[in-house]
Structures are given as structure tokens and as C-alpha cells.
Amino acid sequence: MTGTGSGHGLPDGVRRVPAVVAHPDDESFGLGALPALLSEGGVPTTVLCFTHGEASTLHGRPGDLHAVRAGEFACAARELGVQRVELAAHPDGGLGDIPLYRLTAHVSGLIGEERPSHLLVFDTGGVTGHRDHRRATEAALPAARRTGVGVLGWTLPQEVADRLNAEFGTSFTGRGPAECRVVEPVSRQRQRRAIACHASQSSDNPVLWRRLELLGDREYLRILE
């Protein structure tokens, strides 16, 4: 983020940042405070999402999730200040069955259009344990490597991951202090408005609210490329 990046813990030279995620709500539940921070700092952001999230077991609104979650995704992007969204139609829960070169080609096309300084993705391993989260990052890394684009991996500190796993039986993976770059302070206001857009997923999601409580006004990144 030119001028202000180092003050927040973001690397210098951040000037345009597409995010690559697996599901509608990943941009809000996971990355949410970071796209908002970037947009507030004048950094254009885009989100490429590989699936419509139609296989979710949460269904807090009536209607077909394929369509419902597309509308929620657009709403959340507006709240976060995201300038552009691209929603693909790969199968939710089945990104691992899609040849990696096809997913990577999609990311490469986005890089060609956007000419970004960095991509924003989930940390390698997927953070939450979801296979689609890992696959989205696996697709983004080779595309970035070929074009010399940096990659910022959203992650959790190990102590937060451990706490969530102990309290909820989840499968979060975290990183030790030496591996994390702290981004602070982050505002949760726009993120919370974006989360509210995802009414089908956020009405019964205690793990999300507990994670935000534990993180406070901090987020954590790894420099992946």
C-alpha cells in the first residue's frame, strides 16, 4: 500500500490486489478486514471466486443456494469496497477434481487483465481445513510465480487456531509468530456489514464470531511469493 502499507504491516509496493478464493463468504468471513483496509487506502481490489458455495450445509435464507449466494457475494463486495467480482461455477466441494491447469489459467487471465502487484489468498493448507480453500491457493501460486506477482497469504496465529479447535472441534491450521506478519489495526465495521450480506451462512456461525473476537483488531499474513 503506497505510503501507508508499512504502518499497517502490509508490505511496501502494494498497489492493486485481486483476491482468489473458493466460496462466496471467503472474502468476508476470512479475508474481509484486509480487502476493506486495502480499499480504504486507495488500493483497487478484485475478488475471483471459484464456486457458488451451493454445497453448504448452512441455509439461513430460503431459495436455491447457487443463486442466493451469488447475490450475497455481490452485496458483500460492495460493502468491502471491492471494485470487481468474478464468480466461476466450479462445483462446491469439488475443486480438487478440476485439473489444476484450468484453475491456474483462470487466475492467469485475471492477472493479465488486472496487472496487480500482489494476489491475496488463504495460506497454504487452507487455514480452515477445507479442501477447496487449499485448492484455490494451489491454483493461484503458479500463476503468480510465472508473472512475478507477489502473494499474500491470510493466516491465523497458532494460538488462535488451537483455541478454536479446542472449543469447537474444528480443523484450523495456524502459524507461529516468526512466520506471521501482523497487520494492525484493522477495522471490523465494513467486514461485519459484508458478513451480514451473507445471511444464508452467518446466522448460525459461532466459530466465525469467536474467531473475530480472538483476533481483535489484528489480522495475520504470510508472504508466499
C-alpha atoms as a PDB file:
ATOM      1  CA  MET A   1       0.000   0.000   0.000  1.00  0.00           C
ATOM      2  CA  THR A   2       1.821   3.049  -1.167  1.00  0.00           C
ATOM      3  CA  GLY A   3       2.505   5.456   1.642  1.00  0.00           C
ATOM      4  CA  THR A   4       0.614   3.581   4.358  1.00  0.00           C
ATOM      5  CA  GLY A   5       1.406  -0.101   3.905  1.00  0.00           C
ATOM      6  CA  SER A   6       4.280  -0.299   6.357  1.00  0.00           C
ATOM      7  CA  GLY A   7       2.211   1.409   9.054  1.00  0.00           C
ATOM      8  CA  HIS A   8      -0.315  -1.421   8.967  1.00  0.00           C
ATOM      9  CA  GLY A   9       2.131  -4.265   8.474  1.00  0.00           C
ATOM     10  CA  LEU A  10       1.359  -4.730   4.786  1.00  0.00           C
ATOM     11  CA  PRO A  11       4.428  -4.981   2.553  1.00  0.00           C
ATOM     12  CA  ASP A  12       5.582  -1.925   0.614  1.00  0.00           C
ATOM     13  CA  GLY A  13       4.588  -1.638  -3.017  1.00  0.00           C
ATOM     14  CA  VAL A  14       1.053  -2.963  -2.671  1.00  0.00           C
ATOM     15  CA  ARG A  15      -0.878  -1.133  -5.388  1.00  0.00           C
ATOM     16  CA  ARG A  16      -3.523  -3.484  -6.868  1.00  0.00           C
ATOM     17  CA  VAL A  17      -4.659  -6.722  -5.216  1.00  0.00           C
ATOM     18  CA  PRO A  18      -7.035  -9.337  -6.604  1.00  0.00           C
ATOM     19  CA  ALA A  19      -8.118 -11.982  -4.096  1.00  0.00           C
ATOM     20  CA  VAL A  20      -8.569 -15.604  -5.151  1.00  0.00           C
ATOM     21  CA  VAL A  21     -10.996 -17.637  -3.034  1.00  0.00           C
ATOM     22  CA  ALA A  22     -13.094 -20.780  -3.219  1.00  0.00           C
ATOM     23  CA  HIS A  23     -16.519 -19.754  -1.921  1.00  0.00           C
ATOM     24  CA  PRO A  24     -18.780 -16.742  -1.576  1.00  0.00           C
ATOM     25  CA  ASP A  25     -18.199 -15.522   2.005  1.00  0.00           C
ATOM     26  CA  ASP A  26     -14.455 -16.377   1.994  1.00  0.00           C
ATOM     27  CA  GLU A  27     -13.829 -12.746   1.045  1.00  0.00           C
ATOM     28  CA  SER A  28     -15.817 -11.610   4.101  1.00  0.00           C
ATOM     29  CA  PHE A  29     -15.557 -14.318   6.764  1.00  0.00           C
ATOM     30  CA  GLY A  30     -11.836 -14.844   6.135  1.00  0.00           C
ATOM     31  CA  LEU A  31     -10.169 -12.027   4.243  1.00  0.00           C
ATOM     32  CA  GLY A  32     -12.800  -9.397   4.993  1.00  0.00           C
ATOM     33  CA  ALA A  33     -10.828  -6.934   7.083  1.00  0.00           C
ATOM     34  CA  LEU A  34      -7.986  -6.952   4.545  1.00  0.00           C
ATOM     35  CA  PRO A  35      -9.903  -6.018   1.370  1.00  0.00           C
ATOM     36  CA  ALA A  36     -11.619  -3.285   3.383  1.00  0.00           C
ATOM     37  CA  LEU A  37      -8.275  -1.990   4.639  1.00  0.00           C
ATOM     38  CA  LEU A  38      -6.847  -2.000   1.116  1.00  0.00           C
ATOM     39  CA  SER A  39      -9.817  -0.218  -0.431  1.00  0.00           C
ATOM     40  CA  GLU A  40      -9.773   2.411   2.305  1.00  0.00           C
ATOM     41  CA  GLY A  41      -6.111   3.004   1.459  1.00  0.00           C
ATOM     42  CA  GLY A  42      -6.890   3.557  -2.203  1.00  0.00           C
ATOM     43  CA  VAL A  43      -5.719   0.145  -3.393  1.00  0.00           C
ATOM     44  CA  PRO A  44      -8.069  -1.348  -6.037  1.00  0.00           C
ATOM     45  CA  THR A  45      -9.272  -4.829  -5.143  1.00  0.00           C
ATOM     46  CA  THR A  46     -10.956  -7.608  -7.106  1.00  0.00           C
ATOM     47  CA  VAL A  47     -12.264 -10.997  -5.991  1.00  0.00           C
ATOM     48  CA  LEU A  48     -12.197 -14.150  -8.110  1.00  0.00           C
ATOM     49  CA  CYS A  49     -14.351 -16.858  -6.513  1.00  0.00           C
ATOM     50  CA  PHE A  50     -14.258 -20.354  -7.975  1.00  0.00           C
ATOM     51  CA  THR A  51     -17.639 -21.710  -6.784  1.00  0.00           C
ATOM     52  CA  HIS A  52     -21.146 -20.567  -5.862  1.00  0.00           C
ATOM     53  CA  GLY A  53     -20.948 -22.320  -2.476  1.00  0.00           C
ATOM     54  CA  GLU A  54     -24.041 -24.360  -3.298  1.00  0.00           C
ATOM     55  CA  ALA A  55     -22.996 -27.373  -1.183  1.00  0.00           C
ATOM     56  CA  SER A  56     -23.049 -25.523   2.129  1.00  0.00           C
ATOM     57  CA  THR A  57     -24.905 -27.197   4.989  1.00  0.00           C
ATOM     58  CA  LEU A  58     -25.930 -23.754   6.298  1.00  0.00           C
ATOM     59  CA  HIS A  59     -29.126 -22.405   4.772  1.00  0.00           C
ATOM     60  CA  GLY A  60     -30.261 -19.359   6.720  1.00  0.00           C
ATOM     61  CA  ARG A  61     -32.344 -17.971   3.849  1.00  0.00           C
ATOM     62  CA  PRO A  62     -34.922 -19.600   1.584  1.00  0.00           C
ATOM     63  CA  GLY A  63     -34.070 -20.226  -2.038  1.00  0.00           C
ATOM     64  CA  ASP A  64     -31.561 -22.062  -4.165  1.00  0.00           C
ATOM     65  CA  LEU A  65     -28.119 -21.519  -2.655  1.00  0.00           C
ATOM     66  CA  HIS A  66     -26.469 -21.280  -6.066  1.00  0.00           C
ATOM     67  CA  ALA A  67     -28.429 -18.096  -6.774  1.00  0.00           C
ATOM     68  CA  VAL A  68     -28.777 -16.847  -3.199  1.00  0.00           C
ATOM     69  CA  ARG A  69     -25.065 -16.906  -2.529  1.00  0.00           C
ATOM     70  CA  ALA A  70     -24.232 -15.156  -5.790  1.00  0.00           C
ATOM     71  CA  GLY A  71     -26.375 -12.226  -4.662  1.00  0.00           C
ATOM     72  CA  GLU A  72     -24.821 -12.275  -1.195  1.00  0.00           C
ATOM     73  CA  PHE A  73     -21.356 -12.247  -2.735  1.00  0.00           C
ATOM     74  CA  ALA A  74     -22.127  -9.134  -4.787  1.00  0.00           C
ATOM     75  CA  CYS A  75     -23.590  -7.389  -1.737  1.00  0.00           C
ATOM     76  CA  ALA A  76     -20.562  -8.194   0.416  1.00  0.00           C
ATOM     77  CA  ALA A  77     -18.136  -6.990  -2.245  1.00  0.00           C
ATOM     78  CA  ARG A  78     -19.859  -3.610  -2.309  1.00  0.00           C
ATOM     79  CA  GLU A  79     -19.596  -3.325   1.466  1.00  0.00           C
ATOM     80  CA  LEU A  80     -15.877  -4.133   1.358  1.00  0.00           C
ATOM     81  CA  GLY A  81     -15.193  -1.624  -1.406  1.00  0.00           C
ATOM     82  CA  VAL A  82     -14.228  -4.326  -3.907  1.00  0.00           C
ATOM     83  CA  GLN A  83     -14.291  -2.884  -7.406  1.00  0.00           C
ATOM     84  CA  ARG A  84     -14.927  -6.065  -9.367  1.00  0.00           C
ATOM     85  CA  VAL A  85     -16.036  -9.626  -8.702  1.00  0.00           C
ATOM     86  CA  GLU A  86     -15.784 -12.693 -10.890  1.00  0.00           C
ATOM     87  CA  LEU A  87     -17.816 -15.737  -9.893  1.00  0.00           C
ATOM     88  CA  ALA A  88     -16.999 -19.030 -11.593  1.00  0.00           C
ATOM     89  CA  ALA A  89     -19.240 -22.101 -11.498  1.00  0.00           C
ATOM     90  CA  HIS A  90     -16.928 -24.931 -10.494  1.00  0.00           C
ATOM     91  CA  PRO A  91     -18.513 -27.465  -8.120  1.00  0.00           C
ATOM     92  CA  ASP A  92     -18.510 -26.533  -4.457  1.00  0.00           C
ATOM     93  CA  GLY A  93     -16.538 -29.192  -2.598  1.00  0.00           C
ATOM     94  CA  GLY A  94     -15.085 -30.481  -5.843  1.00  0.00           C
ATOM     95  CA  LEU A  95     -12.299 -28.064  -6.783  1.00  0.00           C
ATOM     96  CA  GLY A  96      -9.836 -30.890  -6.245  1.00  0.00           C
ATOM     97  CA  ASP A  97     -11.436 -32.707  -9.165  1.00  0.00           C
ATOM     98  CA  ILE A  98     -10.845 -29.807 -11.543  1.00  0.00           C
ATOM     99  CA  PRO A  99      -7.471 -30.006 -13.328  1.00  0.00           C
ATOM    100  CA  LEU A 100      -5.148 -27.545 -11.684  1.00  0.00           C
ATOM    101  CA  TYR A 101      -4.079 -26.062 -15.013  1.00  0.00           C
ATOM    102  CA  ARG A 102      -7.679 -24.953 -15.672  1.00  0.00           C
ATOM    103  CA  LEU A 103      -7.954 -23.126 -12.371  1.00  0.00           C
ATOM    104  CA  THR A 104      -4.486 -21.638 -12.763  1.00  0.00           C
ATOM    105  CA  ALA A 105      -5.361 -20.422 -16.267  1.00  0.00           C
ATOM    106  CA  HIS A 106      -8.323 -18.549 -14.793  1.00  0.00           C
ATOM    107  CA  VAL A 107      -6.038 -16.816 -12.309  1.00  0.00           C
ATOM    108  CA  SER A 108      -3.508 -16.074 -15.046  1.00  0.00           C
ATOM    109  CA  GLY A 109      -6.240 -14.425 -17.097  1.00  0.00           C
ATOM    110  CA  LEU A 110      -7.168 -12.245 -14.140  1.00  0.00           C
ATOM    111  CA  ILE A 111      -3.537 -11.240 -13.642  1.00  0.00           C
ATOM    112  CA  GLY A 112      -3.293 -10.335 -17.309  1.00  0.00           C
ATOM    113  CA  GLU A 113      -6.347  -8.094 -17.040  1.00  0.00           C
ATOM    114  CA  GLU A 114      -5.584  -6.502 -13.686  1.00  0.00           C
ATOM    115  CA  ARG A 115      -1.767  -6.206 -13.750  1.00  0.00           C
ATOM    116  CA  PRO A 116      -1.642  -6.469  -9.939  1.00  0.00           C
ATOM    117  CA  SER A 117       1.274  -6.080  -7.588  1.00  0.00           C
ATOM    118  CA  HIS A 118       0.039  -8.929  -5.353  1.00  0.00           C
ATOM    119  CA  LEU A 119      -2.597 -11.610  -5.017  1.00  0.00           C
ATOM    120  CA  LEU A 120      -4.411 -12.215  -1.732  1.00  0.00           C
ATOM    121  CA  VAL A 121      -5.227 -15.850  -0.896  1.00  0.00           C
ATOM    122  CA  PHE A 122      -5.752 -18.203   2.018  1.00  0.00           C
ATOM    123  CA  ASP A 123      -2.488 -19.519   3.447  1.00  0.00           C
ATOM    124  CA  THR A 124      -1.156 -22.777   2.043  1.00  0.00           C
ATOM    125  CA  GLY A 125      -3.050 -25.514   3.871  1.00  0.00           C
ATOM    126  CA  GLY A 126      -6.285 -23.550   3.536  1.00  0.00           C
ATOM    127  CA  VAL A 127      -6.453 -22.209   7.144  1.00  0.00           C
ATOM    128  CA  THR A 128      -9.825 -23.839   7.859  1.00  0.00           C
ATOM    129  CA  GLY A 129      -9.073 -27.370   6.716  1.00  0.00           C
ATOM    130  CA  HIS A 130     -11.462 -27.141   3.748  1.00  0.00           C
ATOM    131  CA  ARG A 131     -10.007 -28.808   0.648  1.00  0.00           C
ATOM    132  CA  ASP A 132     -11.424 -26.142  -1.665  1.00  0.00           C
ATOM    133  CA  HIS A 133      -9.542 -23.439   0.249  1.00  0.00           C
ATOM    134  CA  ARG A 134      -6.278 -25.298  -0.298  1.00  0.00           C
ATOM    135  CA  ARG A 135      -7.058 -25.824  -3.976  1.00  0.00           C
ATOM    136  CA  ALA A 136      -7.794 -22.150  -4.650  1.00  0.00           C
ATOM    137  CA  THR A 137      -4.376 -21.222  -3.265  1.00  0.00           C
ATOM    138  CA  GLU A 138      -2.707 -24.053  -5.172  1.00  0.00           C
ATOM    139  CA  ALA A 139      -4.169 -22.574  -8.357  1.00  0.00           C
ATOM    140  CA  ALA A 140      -3.067 -19.031  -7.592  1.00  0.00           C
ATOM    141  CA  LEU A 141       0.571 -19.726  -6.720  1.00  0.00           C
ATOM    142  CA  PRO A 142       1.841 -20.972 -10.116  1.00  0.00           C
ATOM    143  CA  ALA A 143       0.043 -18.161 -11.924  1.00  0.00           C
ATOM    144  CA  ALA A 144       1.704 -15.604  -9.670  1.00  0.00           C
ATOM    145  CA  ARG A 145       5.080 -17.293  -9.952  1.00  0.00           C
ATOM    146  CA  ARG A 146       5.034 -17.178 -13.745  1.00  0.00           C
ATOM    147  CA  THR A 147       4.214 -13.480 -13.799  1.00  0.00           C
ATOM    148  CA  GLY A 148       6.338 -12.271 -10.908  1.00  0.00           C
ATOM    149  CA  VAL A 149       3.347 -11.189  -8.834  1.00  0.00           C
ATOM    150  CA  GLY A 150       3.645 -11.289  -5.055  1.00  0.00           C
ATOM    151  CA  VAL A 151       1.283 -13.449  -2.998  1.00  0.00           C
ATOM    152  CA  LEU A 152      -0.073 -12.543   0.420  1.00  0.00           C
ATOM    153  CA  GLY A 153      -1.466 -15.472   2.397  1.00  0.00           C
ATOM    154  CA  TRP A 154      -4.121 -14.743   5.022  1.00  0.00           C
ATOM    155  CA  THR A 155      -3.402 -16.915   8.038  1.00  0.00           C
ATOM    156  CA  LEU A 156      -4.116 -17.363  11.741  1.00  0.00           C
ATOM    157  CA  PRO A 157      -1.693 -17.315  14.654  1.00  0.00           C
ATOM    158  CA  GLN A 158      -1.223 -20.783  16.088  1.00  0.00           C
ATOM    159  CA  GLU A 159      -2.703 -19.837  19.446  1.00  0.00           C
ATOM    160  CA  VAL A 160      -5.964 -18.704  17.844  1.00  0.00           C
ATOM    161  CA  ALA A 161      -6.186 -21.837  15.686  1.00  0.00           C
ATOM    162  CA  ASP A 162      -5.545 -24.024  18.729  1.00  0.00           C
ATOM    163  CA  ARG A 163      -8.163 -22.202  20.779  1.00  0.00           C
ATOM    164  CA  LEU A 164     -10.828 -22.574  18.100  1.00  0.00           C
ATOM    165  CA  ASN A 165     -10.030 -26.246  17.596  1.00  0.00           C
ATOM    166  CA  ALA A 166     -10.241 -26.900  21.326  1.00  0.00           C
ATOM    167  CA  GLU A 167     -13.532 -25.069  21.735  1.00  0.00           C
ATOM    168  CA  PHE A 168     -15.336 -26.194  18.579  1.00  0.00           C
ATOM    169  CA  GLY A 169     -13.580 -29.323  17.322  1.00  0.00           C
ATOM    170  CA  THR A 170     -12.594 -27.511  14.129  1.00  0.00           C
ATOM    171  CA  SER A 171      -9.524 -28.124  11.950  1.00  0.00           C
ATOM    172  CA  PHE A 172      -7.900 -24.710  11.701  1.00  0.00           C
ATOM    173  CA  THR A 173      -4.176 -24.546  10.998  1.00  0.00           C
ATOM    174  CA  GLY A 174      -2.083 -21.693  12.335  1.00  0.00           C
ATOM    175  CA  ARG A 175       1.410 -20.302  12.170  1.00  0.00           C
ATOM    176  CA  GLY A 176       3.962 -19.396  14.804  1.00  0.00           C
ATOM    177  CA  PRO A 177       4.961 -15.777  15.478  1.00  0.00           C
ATOM    178  CA  ALA A 178       8.101 -15.974  13.345  1.00  0.00           C
ATOM    179  CA  GLU A 179       6.022 -16.929  10.296  1.00  0.00           C
ATOM    180  CA  CYS A 180       3.330 -14.266  10.625  1.00  0.00           C
ATOM    181  CA  ARG A 181       3.255 -10.659   9.617  1.00  0.00           C
ATOM    182  CA  VAL A 182       0.856  -8.727  11.875  1.00  0.00           C
ATOM    183  CA  VAL A 183      -1.488  -6.288  10.154  1.00  0.00           C
ATOM    184  CA  GLU A 184      -2.908  -3.776  12.616  1.00  0.00           C
ATOM    185  CA  PRO A 185      -5.069  -2.010  13.348  1.00  0.00           C
ATOM    186  CA  VAL A 186      -7.862  -3.306  11.162  1.00  0.00           C
ATOM    187  CA  SER A 187     -11.424  -2.100  11.415  1.00  0.00           C
ATOM    188  CA  ARG A 188     -14.131  -4.738  11.600  1.00  0.00           C
ATOM    189  CA  GLN A 189     -17.026  -2.396  10.726  1.00  0.00           C
ATOM    190  CA  ARG A 190     -17.063  -2.949   6.977  1.00  0.00           C
ATOM    191  CA  GLN A 191     -16.260  -6.623   7.431  1.00  0.00           C
ATOM    192  CA  ARG A 192     -19.257  -7.033   9.723  1.00  0.00           C
ATOM    193  CA  ARG A 193     -21.515  -5.357   7.169  1.00  0.00           C
ATOM    194  CA  ALA A 194     -20.147  -7.688   4.500  1.00  0.00           C
ATOM    195  CA  ILE A 195     -20.750 -10.686   6.756  1.00  0.00           C
ATOM    196  CA  ALA A 196     -24.350  -9.526   7.249  1.00  0.00           C
ATOM    197  CA  CYS A 197     -24.820  -9.734   3.470  1.00  0.00           C
ATOM    198  CA  HIS A 198     -24.163 -13.480   3.730  1.00  0.00           C
ATOM    199  CA  ALA A 199     -27.341 -14.107   5.703  1.00  0.00           C
ATOM    200  CA  SER A 200     -27.594 -17.708   4.493  1.00  0.00           C
ATOM    201  CA  GLN A 201     -24.275 -18.507   6.177  1.00  0.00           C
ATOM    202  CA  SER A 202     -23.808 -16.106   9.097  1.00  0.00           C
ATOM    203  CA  SER A 203     -26.972 -16.512  11.172  1.00  0.00           C
ATOM    204  CA  ASP A 204     -25.703 -19.679  12.899  1.00  0.00           C
ATOM    205  CA  ASN A 205     -21.918 -19.427  12.787  1.00  0.00           C
ATOM    206  CA  PRO A 206     -20.463 -19.210  16.305  1.00  0.00           C
ATOM    207  CA  VAL A 207     -16.973 -20.189  15.099  1.00  0.00           C
ATOM    208  CA  LEU A 208     -16.792 -17.079  12.940  1.00  0.00           C
ATOM    209  CA  TRP A 209     -17.770 -14.712  15.730  1.00  0.00           C
ATOM    210  CA  ARG A 210     -15.399 -16.354  18.184  1.00  0.00           C
ATOM    211  CA  ARG A 211     -12.519 -16.088  15.705  1.00  0.00           C
ATOM    212  CA  LEU A 212     -13.127 -12.381  15.199  1.00  0.00           C
ATOM    213  CA  GLU A 213     -13.294 -11.926  18.955  1.00  0.00           C
ATOM    214  CA  LEU A 214      -9.943 -13.667  19.423  1.00  0.00           C
ATOM    215  CA  LEU A 215      -8.278 -11.696  16.618  1.00  0.00           C
ATOM    216  CA  GLY A 216      -9.479  -8.307  17.846  1.00  0.00           C
ATOM    217  CA  ASP A 217      -8.110  -5.541  15.601  1.00  0.00           C
ATOM    218  CA  ARG A 218      -5.347  -7.687  14.108  1.00  0.00           C
ATOM    219  CA  GLU A 219      -5.015  -9.855  11.027  1.00  0.00           C
ATOM    220  CA  TYR A 220      -2.065 -12.020  10.032  1.00  0.00           C
ATOM    221  CA  LEU A 221      -0.315 -12.610   6.717  1.00  0.00           C
ATOM    222  CA  ARG A 222       2.411 -14.773   5.291  1.00  0.00           C
ATOM    223  CA  ILE A 223       4.415 -13.704   2.260  1.00  0.00           C
ATOM    224  CA  LEU A 224       4.020 -16.744  -0.001  1.00  0.00           C
ATOM    225  CA  GLU A 225       5.764 -15.363  -3.097  1.00  0.00           C
END
